Structures are given as C-alpha cells and as structure tokens.
C-alpha cells in the first residue's frame, strides 16, 4: 500500500458540506453547503473557493452537458448559471410536503439526474420518518418517482457495467443494490449488499472506483469505507480527522485523488474545539485506486 495522505483543502467550515463533484474542464471541485445555502467551487489551480448563494437548502450539484450545472434545491430541480449566479427552476416535487427538501443526487451513465428527498431535520439525523422519495429528472425535463417511504435519501452510484444501481437510505444503515435498465432508467429487485457496523455509524454519500468497489462516507463515523458489492465485505477503512464525514468523489488529473466533504452542524463548542476542521473538505492521496469521471446531465 502506498502511504495515504489526508489534507484539508477547504477550511470554510460548511454547516453540511455535501455532493462533491470533479469538474475536469475547469480543474475544480464542486460541492454544496446544504444549510449554508451555497454552491461552492474549489480551484485546484488557484486553491481559491468561490460560492454562489441560493434561496433554499441546496443538497446536490451536477455537471450539465450544455454547460454550467444542475442542482437539487429545496424540493426543486434547477439550473445554475455560474457566472451570472442565475438559478432557474426546472421541476418541482413533493409539493404536498412543505417540510421536505432534496438530499443527495447524481447523474446516471445515460445523463439522467437522480435525487431523493427527506423531511427537514430537527437535529442531525433526527426527523419525521418515511417522508422522502427517490426521483429522476430525465433529459426532456420530465420527472419520474421511483418509490417513497424514504427516511434520508442518500448516496447513489452505478456499477461499471451499468446494470446495477447502488443506493443508501441512511437510517436503514444499509447499502442497497437494484437491477438497473440503462435504456429506460428503471430500477427493481432491491436488496441489501452491506450493513454498517456500529462504529461505522450512518452511511451517507458514496462513489465507485475503476475496480467496481464502492466507497461510502460514514456520517458520525469519521471515515470512508471501501466495500466489495459482490461479496458484501468491507475491504478498507480510511479514518478522517472529523466525525461528520458526508460524501466522497474521485478527482484530480487522473481521478486518483479522493475528495471528502464533512459537516459541523450539531456540534457544540467543545466538540468543535477538538475538531477544528469539521465542515472542511479533505483531499486523500495515495489510495492506489482511481475513480470514474462524473456523468453530465443530458438535458
């Protein structure tokens, strides 16, 4: 094993940092601060962070084929023009649930944007249960709902052959798999492939590497774990200097760097004094594996 190095690259201290996405064209890392209502962009060239403020909790950001980005904002899918700082609503979901908001989202290999909802939290991971649903925004801007009764819709990704969709509903403490039809975007045959150990705490964001293994950020577990979806075994644990690790993605020139977001919401002064980097974004090098570039939204 090469030696693993962990460095805090964004020290802004986000309330809930989430949804890291590497933008190869710009050599930047995108992410959001959900409660801070900001879409953020860290340049690997200048090491500077820029941010666009929005009018609701923003929980995920994705690249868009036609340029700029799409975001999941409140209970809306929306387009974000970065330079103009302009947000336009594409579609609205969960209209009957004023207390809901989107959570994690990601684009599938065919360019569809998947994102799920949840009830607004009373405290971190404390909320009204079974209020969320999983949705897909298609390239023609239509929306399909896959299922409801979700607690905290979270990490998602696709197998390398695009035949399996991986998904996390955090309070199930499980990483699940579905059969996936890339032609239609339909999912079925849900099953659990990994149940988290007590010390791993709550499964949050997730990404896949070029060997087809899953990396899961463990909220309140202070780590990312590498799983084999075929065997259901944990292969590796990488601990971080903060407890509230929220999501992960690969990036950098050859996608050999891992970026991990974190949160500080719900931490008291004493806890924060022990973990001053809480809410930061971390870069991990030396993992010895590479990731898959993100897919852009086709619409």
Foldseek 3Di string as FASTA:
>chain_A
DFDKDKDFLFQPFAQFKDAWAQDQVQCWIWIFRQVQQWIWIAHPVVSDIDIQHDDAGWAYWFFAPVGAIWTFGFQFIWGADDVVSDIDTLDGPPPVQNQKGKHYWAAAPVQKIKTKMAGHAPAVVHDDFFAMWIWIQALVRDMDTQDTRAHHWAAWYAFPVRQKIWTDRFVVQFIKIWGADPVVRHTHDIDTLEHDDVLLATWHYWFAFPVRWIWTRRAQNQWIWIADSVNSDTDDIDGHLARGWHYWAFDDPQSQKMKIAFRDGPPDPVNCVSRVSGRTIMIMHDPPTGGDHGDHRHD
